[in-house]
Amino acid sequence: MPDSDKPEVKAPPSYRGLGHDPVLTTLVETLGSEFRTPVVMIVLLEQGEPYIAGKTGIVGFDAERAAYLILPVIEASSASSVRDIRGQRPPPPHGVPRGVRFHASAPLINEDGQAIGALLIADSKPRRIGQSALAQLDRFATLAYAALTRSYYAAKLETRVHEIEKLKQRNESILTASVDAIASFEPIRNFRGDIEDYKLVQYNPAFERILDRPKEDLHDARLLEAFPQAEDLGVFERFRQVAETGKPTDFEEAFTQNGLDTWYRITAVATGQKGFTLTLSSIQERKMHQQSLERANAKLRQFSVAVAHDLKAPLRHLQGFGRIVKSRMQVTALHEDLVYLDELDRAADRLKAMLDGLLDYTMLGNQEHTHAHCSLQDCAELAAEPLGYDSVGATLNIDLDHLPDVVGDKVQIQRVFHNLFDNALKYHSAEPLEVSVTGEVVKGLAIVTVRDNGIGIAPEYHEKVFDLFTRLPEAQDQAHGSGIGLPICRQIAESFGGSLELRKPKGQEAQGEQGSTFQLTLPIAEPHSLRKSNHAAA
């Protein structure tokens, strides 16, 4: 038969290591007794090790020669065959099996109908067997393949069980070593089928230490017994929602233990039949540090308010007496002396503005802002009204009406716009001032861009201008500006979960353009409240 016409033999799953399977051994022994042959072998066309199980009663007979004998029946992939070895095919590389005068084989057929090997019997004496014996050999071949398959899956199952056991041991090692408390709970239902509590079914040593109870008391312990505050704090309902909906939860909560509040970060994920697994990570140290920091900040704010307030009184006296001295010296004083007095008065004004700004900045940190729906278009238009852009020939175009409402305090957001518009007026160039306000929504955030064509701000000051009392070099000789307006604006934006940045638009420098571009970001409100009209303030 040409090689191209030979049926393709698909290699079966690896059966190596099954040679000592008791079922296969019994089958080989039974077949040998039934046919009274010294050679009974199960031979597979498998890489390297075709011998699976058998007995060889002829000297020099091995698996490789056995494979040579079964090839005709494999190639035919048909019923059993009885063949005389002589003259059938070229001898194998190691010679014809010595002493073999008779052999018969039946193919092992897999589920795909392919021959993967054969059941072989051989004898040193010439003999013939009838059709009934061949049929019996076929039945033994079917049993042999079934035994192989059973042994294969049994070994595979054993391997899998061993892997699962190793994985279980590894997971138990991880749970034992974890500093986080981990526990699994299953629901406890009342007679109506409603969940009334959860019982503890598995936990690690860290969870045991949190409860501070003997291990024997933890078996089937109830959640509300372990954490009696869970219901009052709403934590129990959170866990129930996790178990019912399958959606995990992650939050921070304090539980009273031994008279002390202990803070945890709590994560719960649904497991099993309406159960959940709980992870508690202690954040007590972080909370204590946070509370300490809050107390320190509160004292610092109190100190700042006191300093700003207390310094204003002597400053008023200093400025008042300075003006009295100037009024009395109008006739007798030298012009140079009057200039000094004017400079003293301007310096006092600047100091007063700085103290007012510091007090304002400090008080802003102490306030609780209203979080409500705000229209950015309305806030921007109201902020522009008192500045009188028309009277100075400036142009202000506001195009925010397409944006949804944002979360914030209308007065404070209006204050941010007012400061940005006012700065544009203060620091404009010789060109007619133009200010544009545009916006877009990106990933749940309203991004507002305020761009002007003023004198601009050098890149090295883009972050410094948000520091307290920072003034640009070109503004040092101007009386207006305390260096606190932009820090206040950023603080307002951040208090509502937003931000305020100074950016350089792409290509602006290459085109020789001047001006500043501020980007205000605020979270949009839900549900969106879209406005339909369009307005432009000029």
Protein backbone atom coordinates (compact mmCIF):
# COMPACT_ATOMS: atom_id res chain seq x y z
CA MET A 1 0.00 0.00 0.00
CA PRO A 2 1.51 3.40 -0.96
CA ASP A 3 2.33 5.69 1.95
CA SER A 4 -0.17 8.29 0.73
CA ASP A 5 -3.00 5.73 0.90
CA LYS A 6 -2.28 4.58 4.42
CA PRO A 7 -4.86 5.69 6.98
CA GLU A 8 -3.65 8.40 9.36
CA VAL A 9 -3.13 7.00 12.82
CA LYS A 10 -3.92 9.60 15.52
CA ALA A 11 -1.77 9.23 18.60
CA PRO A 12 -3.92 8.65 21.69
CA PRO A 13 -3.45 10.42 25.00
CA SER A 14 -0.28 9.27 26.69
CA TYR A 15 -0.82 5.90 28.38
CA ARG A 16 2.69 5.69 29.77
CA GLY A 17 2.92 4.50 33.31
CA LEU A 18 -0.19 2.28 33.07
CA GLY A 19 1.73 -0.97 32.64
CA HIS A 20 1.10 -2.02 36.23
CA ASP A 21 -2.62 -1.34 36.15
CA PRO A 22 -4.29 -4.39 37.78
CA VAL A 23 -7.15 -4.50 35.26
CA LEU A 24 -4.76 -4.62 32.32
CA THR A 25 -2.60 -7.22 34.05
CA THR A 26 -5.62 -9.44 34.70
CA LEU A 27 -6.78 -9.08 31.10
CA VAL A 28 -3.36 -10.14 29.77
CA GLU A 29 -3.23 -13.16 32.08
CA THR A 30 -6.77 -14.23 31.14
CA LEU A 31 -6.02 -13.91 27.43
CA GLY A 32 -2.84 -15.99 27.78
CA SER A 33 -4.75 -18.73 29.58
CA GLU A 34 -7.59 -18.64 27.06
CA PHE A 35 -5.39 -18.97 23.97
CA ARG A 36 -2.52 -20.88 25.63
CA THR A 37 0.15 -18.66 24.00
CA PRO A 38 3.44 -17.67 25.59
CA VAL A 39 3.20 -14.08 24.25
CA VAL A 40 0.31 -11.73 25.07
CA MET A 41 0.89 -7.99 24.59
CA ILE A 42 -1.02 -4.72 24.38
CA VAL A 43 0.98 -2.61 21.95
CA LEU A 44 0.30 1.07 21.16
CA LEU A 45 1.73 3.25 18.43
CA GLU A 46 3.04 5.70 20.99
CA GLN A 47 6.27 7.63 21.02
CA GLY A 48 9.25 5.74 22.31
CA GLU A 49 7.46 3.23 24.51
CA PRO A 50 5.02 1.05 22.57
CA TYR A 51 4.95 -1.65 25.23
CA ILE A 52 2.13 -1.26 27.73
CA ALA A 53 1.46 -4.63 29.37
CA GLY A 54 2.06 -8.24 28.57
CA LYS A 55 4.13 -11.34 29.05
CA THR A 56 6.83 -12.60 26.73
CA GLY A 57 7.56 -16.31 26.90
CA ILE A 58 9.90 -16.32 23.87
CA VAL A 59 13.54 -15.38 24.31
CA GLY A 60 14.51 -12.22 22.40
CA PHE A 61 10.93 -11.06 21.91
CA ASP A 62 10.55 -7.37 22.81
CA ALA A 63 8.20 -4.47 22.30
CA GLU A 64 9.88 -3.15 19.17
CA ARG A 65 9.49 -6.48 17.41
CA ALA A 66 5.94 -6.72 18.68
CA ALA A 67 5.20 -3.36 17.03
CA TYR A 68 6.55 -4.78 13.77
CA LEU A 69 4.13 -7.69 13.97
CA ILE A 70 1.00 -5.57 14.53
CA LEU A 71 1.63 -3.05 11.74
CA PRO A 72 -0.32 -4.98 9.08
CA VAL A 73 -3.51 -4.99 11.12
CA ILE A 74 -2.97 -1.32 12.03
CA GLU A 75 -2.51 -0.37 8.39
CA ALA A 76 -5.59 -2.30 7.39
CA SER A 77 -7.47 -0.87 10.36
CA SER A 78 -9.93 -3.70 9.98
CA ALA A 79 -10.90 -6.90 11.72
CA SER A 80 -8.59 -9.40 13.31
CA SER A 81 -5.99 -11.18 11.20
CA VAL A 82 -3.88 -14.30 11.51
CA ARG A 83 -0.60 -14.09 9.65
CA ASP A 84 2.54 -16.11 9.20
CA ILE A 85 5.59 -13.90 9.78
CA ARG A 86 7.62 -15.36 6.95
CA GLY A 87 7.79 -13.28 3.79
CA GLN A 88 5.30 -10.66 4.94
CA ARG A 89 7.52 -7.58 5.07
CA PRO A 90 11.16 -6.55 5.43
CA PRO A 91 12.63 -7.54 8.77
CA PRO A 92 12.71 -4.91 11.52
CA PRO A 93 15.99 -3.09 12.25
CA HIS A 94 16.93 -5.56 14.97
CA GLY A 95 15.90 -8.70 13.10
CA VAL A 96 12.85 -10.93 12.91
CA PRO A 97 11.56 -12.04 16.33
CA ARG A 98 13.23 -15.32 16.94
CA GLY A 99 11.11 -18.42 17.40
CA VAL A 100 7.83 -16.80 16.33
CA ARG A 101 5.88 -19.16 14.06
CA PHE A 102 2.42 -17.86 14.77
CA HIS A 103 0.89 -14.49 15.71
CA ALA A 104 -2.55 -12.93 15.64
CA SER A 105 -3.66 -9.44 16.51
CA ALA A 106 -6.84 -7.39 16.87
CA PRO A 107 -6.78 -3.58 16.51
CA LEU A 108 -7.59 -1.26 19.41
CA ILE A 109 -10.15 1.15 17.92
CA ASN A 110 -10.74 4.52 19.61
CA GLU A 111 -13.91 6.64 19.60
CA ASP A 112 -12.92 8.19 16.27
CA GLY A 113 -12.77 4.79 14.62
CA GLN A 114 -8.99 4.85 14.32
CA ALA A 115 -6.61 2.05 15.24
CA ILE A 116 -4.22 3.23 17.93
CA GLY A 117 -2.58 -0.12 18.60
CA ALA A 118 -3.35 -3.80 18.80
CA LEU A 119 -3.81 -6.74 21.11
CA LEU A 120 -1.17 -9.33 20.12
CA ILE A 121 -0.78 -13.05 20.81
CA ALA A 122 2.19 -15.06 19.49
CA ASP A 123 3.62 -18.56 19.77
CA SER A 124 6.80 -20.41 18.81
CA LYS A 125 4.71 -23.23 17.38
CA PRO A 126 2.80 -22.99 14.10
CA ARG A 127 -0.94 -23.09 14.66
CA ARG A 128 -4.25 -21.97 13.24
CA ILE A 129 -7.30 -20.45 14.96
CA GLY A 130 -10.85 -20.22 13.70
CA GLN A 131 -13.26 -17.36 13.21
CA SER A 132 -14.81 -17.78 16.65
CA ALA A 133 -11.37 -17.39 18.23
CA LEU A 134 -10.75 -14.28 16.13
CA ALA A 135 -14.09 -12.85 17.26
CA GLN A 136 -13.11 -13.57 20.84
CA LEU A 137 -9.78 -11.80 20.25
CA ASP A 138 -11.72 -8.78 18.95
CA ARG A 139 -13.84 -8.77 22.13
CA PHE A 140 -10.69 -8.88 24.23
CA ALA A 141 -9.34 -5.95 22.20
CA THR A 142 -12.50 -3.96 22.98
CA LEU A 143 -12.09 -4.78 26.67
CA ALA A 144 -8.42 -3.83 26.50
CA TYR A 145 -9.21 -0.41 25.02
CA ALA A 146 -11.91 0.15 27.65
CA ALA A 147 -9.45 -0.79 30.39
CA LEU A 148 -6.84 1.53 28.92
CA THR A 149 -9.33 4.38 28.80
CA ARG A 150 -10.47 3.72 32.36
CA SER A 151 -6.90 3.58 33.59
CA TYR A 152 -5.99 6.73 31.67
CA TYR A 153 -8.83 8.80 33.14
CA ALA A 154 -8.30 7.30 36.59
CA ALA A 155 -4.65 8.38 36.44
CA LYS A 156 -5.66 11.76 35.08
CA LEU A 157 -8.21 12.17 37.87
CA GLU A 158 -5.62 11.19 40.45
CA THR A 159 -3.22 13.77 39.03
CA ARG A 160 -5.93 16.42 39.10
CA VAL A 161 -6.87 15.56 42.67
CA HIS A 162 -3.22 15.86 43.61
CA GLU A 163 -3.00 19.26 41.90
CA ILE A 164 -6.15 20.43 43.66
CA GLU A 165 -4.76 19.27 46.98
CA LYS A 166 -1.54 21.18 46.34
CA LEU A 167 -3.54 24.25 45.35
CA LYS A 168 -5.64 23.90 48.49
CA GLN A 169 -2.50 23.68 50.63
CA ARG A 170 -1.05 26.71 48.87
CA ASN A 171 -4.24 28.72 49.41
CA GLU A 172 -4.33 27.70 53.06
CA SER A 173 -0.71 28.81 53.41
CA ILE A 174 -1.58 32.19 51.87
CA LEU A 175 -4.61 32.59 54.12
CA THR A 176 -2.59 31.64 57.19
CA ALA A 177 0.22 34.06 56.32
CA SER A 178 -2.10 36.94 55.38
CA VAL A 179 -2.13 39.90 57.77
CA ASP A 180 -5.63 40.73 56.49
CA ALA A 181 -8.57 38.99 58.11
CA ILE A 182 -10.45 36.79 55.62
CA ALA A 183 -13.68 34.90 56.31
CA SER A 184 -16.48 33.27 54.31
CA PHE A 185 -20.13 33.31 55.35
CA GLU A 186 -23.22 31.39 54.25
CA PRO A 187 -26.81 32.57 54.70
CA ILE A 188 -29.09 31.54 57.55
CA ARG A 189 -32.74 31.64 56.53
CA ASN A 190 -35.90 31.76 58.60
CA PHE A 191 -38.99 29.61 58.04
CA ARG A 192 -40.13 31.98 55.28
CA GLY A 193 -36.85 31.58 53.41
CA ASP A 194 -35.65 35.13 54.18
CA ILE A 195 -32.01 35.69 55.14
CA GLU A 196 -31.86 36.67 58.80
CA ASP A 197 -28.15 36.24 59.43
CA TYR A 198 -24.96 34.62 58.08
CA LYS A 199 -22.85 31.86 59.62
CA LEU A 200 -19.08 31.66 59.56
CA VAL A 201 -17.87 28.69 57.48
CA GLN A 202 -14.18 29.43 56.90
CA TYR A 203 -11.66 31.93 58.25
CA ASN A 204 -7.95 32.55 58.68
CA PRO A 205 -5.95 33.17 61.88
CA ALA A 206 -6.04 36.96 61.36
CA PHE A 207 -9.85 36.89 61.51
CA GLU A 208 -9.68 34.73 64.61
CA ARG A 209 -7.44 37.32 66.27
CA ILE A 210 -9.87 40.13 65.45
CA LEU A 211 -12.78 38.36 67.13
CA ASP A 212 -10.59 37.40 70.09
CA ARG A 213 -12.66 34.31 70.80
CA PRO A 214 -11.69 30.66 71.35
CA LYS A 215 -11.51 28.66 68.15
CA GLU A 216 -14.17 26.23 69.28
CA ASP A 217 -16.62 29.13 69.69
CA LEU A 218 -16.15 30.20 66.08
CA HIS A 219 -17.68 27.10 64.50
CA ASP A 220 -20.86 28.28 62.72
CA ALA A 221 -20.61 31.60 64.57
CA ARG A 222 -23.15 34.18 63.40
CA LEU A 223 -22.21 37.46 61.78
CA LEU A 224 -24.40 39.59 64.03
CA GLU A 225 -22.95 37.84 67.09
CA ALA A 226 -19.39 38.52 65.95
CA PHE A 227 -20.16 42.13 64.88
CA PRO A 228 -23.28 43.28 66.78
CA GLN A 229 -22.85 46.83 65.42
CA ALA A 230 -23.08 45.65 61.80
CA GLU A 231 -26.86 46.14 61.61
CA ASP A 232 -26.92 49.61 63.17
CA LEU A 233 -24.08 50.79 60.94
CA GLY A 234 -25.79 49.49 57.81
CA VAL A 235 -22.95 47.07 57.18
CA PHE A 236 -25.18 43.99 57.36
CA GLU A 237 -27.40 45.37 54.59
CA ARG A 238 -24.31 46.04 52.46
CA PHE A 239 -23.26 42.40 52.81
CA ARG A 240 -26.77 41.20 52.01
CA GLN A 241 -26.79 43.28 48.81
CA VAL A 242 -23.43 41.77 47.81
CA ALA A 243 -24.76 38.25 48.30
CA GLU A 244 -28.03 38.97 46.49
CA THR A 245 -26.72 40.98 43.52
CA GLY A 246 -23.20 39.58 43.13
CA LYS A 247 -21.76 43.12 43.06
CA PRO A 248 -18.73 43.56 45.38
CA THR A 249 -18.46 46.38 47.89
CA ASP A 250 -15.47 48.22 49.33
CA PHE A 251 -15.73 50.74 52.17
CA GLU A 252 -14.20 51.91 55.45
CA GLU A 253 -15.85 51.44 58.83
CA ALA A 254 -14.95 51.54 62.53
CA PHE A 255 -15.99 48.79 64.96
CA THR A 256 -15.85 49.19 68.72
CA GLN A 257 -13.66 46.51 70.29
CA ASN A 258 -12.76 46.52 73.98
CA GLY A 259 -14.10 50.05 74.23
CA LEU A 260 -11.94 51.36 71.38
CA ASP A 261 -12.89 52.21 67.81
CA THR A 262 -10.84 50.21 65.33
CA TRP A 263 -10.90 51.22 61.66
CA TYR A 264 -10.96 48.68 58.83
CA ARG A 265 -11.13 48.75 55.09
CA ILE A 266 -13.79 46.15 54.29
CA THR A 267 -14.15 44.30 51.00
CA ALA A 268 -16.94 41.79 50.36
CA VAL A 269 -17.44 39.60 47.27
CA ALA A 270 -20.24 37.14 46.56
CA THR A 271 -19.45 33.42 46.86
CA GLY A 272 -21.43 30.19 46.76
CA GLN A 273 -25.19 30.13 47.23
CA LYS A 274 -25.98 33.70 48.34
CA GLY A 275 -22.92 33.81 50.57
CA PHE A 276 -19.95 36.17 50.60
CA THR A 277 -16.28 36.35 51.50
CA LEU A 278 -15.10 39.19 53.69
CA THR A 279 -11.66 40.81 53.85
CA LEU A 280 -10.82 43.24 56.66
CA SER A 281 -7.64 45.28 56.37
CA SER A 282 -6.68 47.33 59.40
CA ILE A 283 -6.31 51.03 58.59
CA GLN A 284 -6.14 52.11 62.20
CA GLU A 285 -2.64 53.57 61.88
CA ARG A 286 -3.58 55.53 58.76
CA LYS A 287 -6.76 56.83 60.40
CA MET A 288 -4.89 57.90 63.51
CA HIS A 289 -2.33 59.70 61.35
CA GLN A 290 -5.13 61.29 59.33
CA GLN A 291 -6.93 62.48 62.45
CA SER A 292 -3.68 63.82 63.85
CA LEU A 293 -3.05 65.66 60.59
CA GLU A 294 -6.59 67.07 60.62
CA ARG A 295 -6.10 68.34 64.17
CA ALA A 296 -2.79 69.92 63.18
CA ASN A 297 -4.38 71.55 60.14
CA ALA A 298 -7.24 72.85 62.25
CA LYS A 299 -4.76 74.43 64.68
CA LEU A 300 -2.81 75.88 61.77
CA ARG A 301 -5.98 77.40 60.34
CA GLN A 302 -6.87 78.84 63.73
CA PHE A 303 -3.38 80.29 63.98
CA SER A 304 -3.61 81.77 60.48
CA VAL A 305 -6.97 83.36 61.23
CA ALA A 306 -5.66 84.78 64.49
CA VAL A 307 -2.50 86.16 62.86
CA ALA A 308 -4.39 87.68 59.92
CA HIS A 309 -7.01 89.21 62.19
CA ASP A 310 -4.65 90.47 64.87
CA LEU A 311 -2.23 92.05 62.40
CA LYS A 312 -4.96 94.09 60.75
CA ALA A 313 -5.47 96.29 63.82
CA PRO A 314 -1.87 97.62 64.06
CA LEU A 315 -1.79 97.87 60.28
CA ARG A 316 -4.85 100.16 60.34
CA HIS A 317 -3.15 102.27 62.99
CA LEU A 318 0.04 102.45 60.97
CA GLN A 319 -1.79 103.44 57.81
CA GLY A 320 -4.01 105.94 59.66
CA PHE A 321 -1.13 107.69 61.40
CA GLY A 322 0.79 107.76 58.13
CA ARG A 323 -2.05 109.58 56.43
CA ILE A 324 -2.30 112.05 59.35
CA VAL A 325 1.42 112.79 59.10
CA LYS A 326 1.09 113.31 55.35
CA SER A 327 -1.84 115.71 55.73
CA ARG A 328 0.09 117.78 58.29
CA MET A 329 3.23 117.88 56.14
CA GLN A 330 1.54 118.83 52.86
CA VAL A 331 2.91 122.39 53.09
CA THR A 332 6.20 122.00 54.91
CA ALA A 333 7.46 118.61 53.72
CA LEU A 334 9.77 118.07 50.81
CA HIS A 335 8.32 116.44 47.72
CA GLU A 336 10.59 113.45 48.31
CA ASP A 337 9.13 112.96 51.80
CA LEU A 338 5.60 112.95 50.41
CA VAL A 339 6.61 110.31 47.86
CA TYR A 340 7.93 108.13 50.70
CA LEU A 341 4.66 108.54 52.58
CA ASP A 342 2.67 107.58 49.47
CA GLU A 343 4.82 104.47 49.04
CA LEU A 344 4.26 103.63 52.72
CA ASP A 345 0.51 103.93 52.20
CA ARG A 346 0.58 101.69 49.11
CA ALA A 347 2.66 99.08 50.94
CA ALA A 348 0.11 99.12 53.76
CA ASP A 349 -2.66 98.58 51.19
CA ARG A 350 -0.82 95.60 49.73
CA LEU A 351 -0.23 94.14 53.19
CA LYS A 352 -3.90 94.63 54.05
CA ALA A 353 -4.86 92.84 50.81
CA MET A 354 -2.53 89.97 51.66
CA LEU A 355 -3.98 89.64 55.16
CA ASP A 356 -7.52 89.74 53.76
CA GLY A 357 -6.56 87.07 51.24
CA LEU A 358 -4.91 84.89 53.88
CA LEU A 359 -7.98 85.17 56.08
CA ASP A 360 -10.20 84.36 53.10
CA TYR A 361 -8.07 81.34 52.11
CA THR A 362 -8.08 80.00 55.66
CA MET A 363 -11.80 80.50 56.14
CA LEU A 364 -12.47 78.76 52.82
CA GLY A 365 -10.77 75.61 54.16
CA ASN A 366 -13.07 75.64 57.21
CA GLN A 367 -16.30 76.01 55.27
CA GLU A 368 -18.61 73.18 54.21
CA HIS A 369 -19.58 73.92 50.63
CA THR A 370 -22.98 73.17 49.18
CA HIS A 371 -22.88 70.37 46.60
CA ALA A 372 -25.72 71.10 44.21
CA HIS A 373 -26.49 71.33 40.49
CA CYS A 374 -24.88 74.42 38.96
CA SER A 375 -25.09 75.83 35.45
CA LEU A 376 -21.62 76.76 34.23
CA GLN A 377 -23.11 79.20 31.71
CA ASP A 378 -24.99 81.09 34.44
CA CYS A 379 -21.97 81.13 36.76
CA ALA A 380 -19.70 82.54 34.04
CA GLU A 381 -22.20 85.20 32.92
CA LEU A 382 -22.87 86.39 36.48
CA ALA A 383 -19.12 86.53 37.19
CA ALA A 384 -18.54 88.77 34.14
CA GLU A 385 -21.28 91.32 34.79
CA PRO A 386 -19.56 93.56 37.41
CA LEU A 387 -16.25 93.69 35.50
CA GLY A 388 -17.54 95.92 32.69
CA TYR A 389 -15.76 94.34 29.75
CA ASP A 390 -17.76 96.54 27.34
CA SER A 391 -16.57 99.78 28.95
CA VAL A 392 -12.91 99.02 28.27
CA GLY A 393 -13.40 97.72 24.74
CA ALA A 394 -12.72 94.09 25.70
CA THR A 395 -14.54 91.07 24.30
CA LEU A 396 -15.72 88.11 26.36
CA ASN A 397 -17.32 85.17 24.57
CA ILE A 398 -18.88 82.47 26.79
CA ASP A 399 -20.00 79.24 25.13
CA LEU A 400 -20.88 76.77 27.88
CA ASP A 401 -24.60 76.39 27.34
CA HIS A 402 -24.20 72.94 25.77
CA LEU A 403 -22.60 71.55 28.93
CA PRO A 404 -24.62 69.69 31.57
CA ASP A 405 -24.89 70.97 35.12
CA VAL A 406 -21.95 70.31 37.42
CA VAL A 407 -21.71 69.48 41.12
CA GLY A 408 -20.67 72.49 43.18
CA ASP A 409 -21.57 75.71 44.97
CA LYS A 410 -22.88 78.36 42.58
CA VAL A 411 -21.33 81.26 44.51
CA GLN A 412 -17.90 79.63 44.73
CA ILE A 413 -17.79 78.54 41.07
CA GLN A 414 -18.86 82.04 40.09
CA ARG A 415 -15.94 83.29 42.17
CA VAL A 416 -13.50 81.17 40.17
CA PHE A 417 -14.73 82.61 36.87
CA HIS A 418 -14.65 86.16 38.31
CA ASN A 419 -11.02 85.77 39.34
CA LEU A 420 -9.96 84.41 35.93
CA PHE A 421 -11.83 87.16 34.05
CA ASP A 422 -10.45 89.85 36.41
CA ASN A 423 -6.85 88.61 35.94
CA ALA A 424 -7.30 88.82 32.18
CA LEU A 425 -8.32 92.48 32.55
CA LYS A 426 -5.46 93.28 34.93
CA TYR A 427 -2.72 91.73 32.84
CA HIS A 428 -3.82 92.44 29.27
CA SER A 429 -1.43 93.41 26.51
CA ALA A 430 -1.52 96.41 24.21
CA GLU A 431 -3.85 94.52 21.87
CA PRO A 432 -7.62 94.70 22.43
CA LEU A 433 -8.45 92.06 25.05
CA GLU A 434 -10.27 88.94 23.90
CA VAL A 435 -11.36 86.19 26.28
CA SER A 436 -13.06 82.98 25.15
CA VAL A 437 -14.72 80.40 27.40
CA THR A 438 -15.43 76.97 25.91
CA GLY A 439 -16.13 73.52 27.33
CA GLU A 440 -16.50 69.81 26.67
CA VAL A 441 -17.47 66.67 28.57
CA VAL A 442 -14.86 63.92 28.93
CA LYS A 443 -15.48 60.77 31.03
CA GLY A 444 -18.01 62.32 33.36
CA LEU A 445 -16.11 65.59 33.78
CA ALA A 446 -16.92 69.05 32.47
CA ILE A 447 -13.70 70.62 31.18
CA VAL A 448 -13.87 74.41 30.80
CA THR A 449 -11.12 76.31 28.97
CA VAL A 450 -10.66 80.05 29.64
CA ARG A 451 -8.26 81.55 27.10
CA ASP A 452 -7.11 85.19 26.77
CA ASN A 453 -4.63 87.10 24.58
CA GLY A 454 -2.97 88.98 27.44
CA ILE A 455 0.68 89.19 28.44
CA GLY A 456 0.75 85.48 29.25
CA ILE A 457 2.60 83.55 31.94
CA ALA A 458 6.02 81.97 31.45
CA PRO A 459 6.03 78.13 31.60
CA GLU A 460 8.23 78.09 34.69
CA TYR A 461 5.44 79.90 36.58
CA HIS A 462 2.59 77.65 35.45
CA GLU A 463 2.57 75.82 38.77
CA LYS A 464 4.05 78.53 40.99
CA VAL A 465 1.11 80.91 40.39
CA PHE A 466 -1.01 78.55 42.50
CA ASP A 467 1.28 79.01 45.52
CA LEU A 468 0.26 81.53 48.18
CA PHE A 469 1.51 85.11 47.65
CA THR A 470 3.28 84.29 44.37
CA ARG A 471 3.24 87.24 41.97
CA LEU A 472 4.70 87.39 38.49
CA PRO A 473 7.84 89.53 37.98
CA GLU A 474 6.01 91.80 35.53
CA ALA A 475 3.29 92.42 38.16
CA GLN A 476 5.59 93.35 41.04
CA ASP A 477 5.32 97.08 40.31
CA GLN A 478 1.51 97.00 40.14
CA ALA A 479 -0.54 97.76 43.21
CA HIS A 480 -3.31 95.27 42.42
CA GLY A 481 -2.96 91.59 43.06
CA SER A 482 -2.14 89.85 46.34
CA GLY A 483 -0.95 86.51 44.92
CA ILE A 484 -3.74 84.61 46.60
CA GLY A 485 -6.58 84.64 44.06
CA LEU A 486 -5.46 81.62 42.01
CA PRO A 487 -4.67 79.46 45.09
CA ILE A 488 -8.21 80.15 46.31
CA CYS A 489 -9.64 79.22 42.89
CA ARG A 490 -7.75 75.92 42.86
CA GLN A 491 -8.89 75.17 46.41
CA ILE A 492 -12.51 75.76 45.39
CA ALA A 493 -12.20 73.45 42.35
CA GLU A 494 -10.56 70.67 44.38
CA SER A 495 -13.19 70.91 47.13
CA PHE A 496 -15.76 69.73 44.56
CA GLY A 497 -13.58 66.93 43.19
CA GLY A 498 -12.22 68.99 40.29
CA SER A 499 -9.03 70.80 39.37
CA LEU A 500 -7.64 74.04 37.97
CA GLU A 501 -4.53 74.05 35.77
CA LEU A 502 -2.63 76.53 33.64
CA ARG A 503 -1.81 75.04 30.25
CA LYS A 504 0.06 75.97 27.12
CA PRO A 505 -2.04 75.17 24.03
CA LYS A 506 -0.25 73.13 21.38
CA GLY A 507 1.25 75.26 18.67
CA GLN A 508 0.65 78.55 20.49
CA GLU A 509 4.32 79.31 21.01
CA ALA A 510 5.25 78.40 17.44
CA GLN A 511 2.59 80.80 16.12
CA GLY A 512 3.95 83.63 18.25
CA GLU A 513 0.70 83.97 20.21
CA GLN A 514 0.54 85.33 23.73
CA GLY A 515 -1.97 84.88 26.49
CA SER A 516 -2.94 82.40 29.18
CA THR A 517 -5.07 79.29 29.03
CA PHE A 518 -6.69 77.99 32.22
CA GLN A 519 -8.45 74.65 32.37
CA LEU A 520 -11.15 74.19 35.01
CA THR A 521 -12.45 70.63 35.57
CA LEU A 522 -15.57 69.77 37.58
CA PRO A 523 -17.65 66.56 37.89
CA ILE A 524 -20.97 66.69 36.05
CA ALA A 525 -24.20 66.22 37.98
CA GLU A 526 -26.48 63.19 37.60
CA PRO A 527 -28.99 63.08 36.04
CA HIS A 528 -27.79 65.46 33.35
CA SER A 529 -29.74 68.68 33.14
CA LEU A 530 -29.12 70.04 29.64
CA ARG A 531 -30.03 73.60 28.73
CA LYS A 532 -31.17 74.46 25.22
CA SER A 533 -30.59 78.19 24.70
CA ASN A 534 -27.35 79.82 23.54
CA HIS A 535 -25.88 82.99 25.05
CA ALA A 536 -22.79 85.05 24.43
CA ALA A 537 -21.63 87.88 26.69
CA ALA A 538 -19.62 90.54 24.98
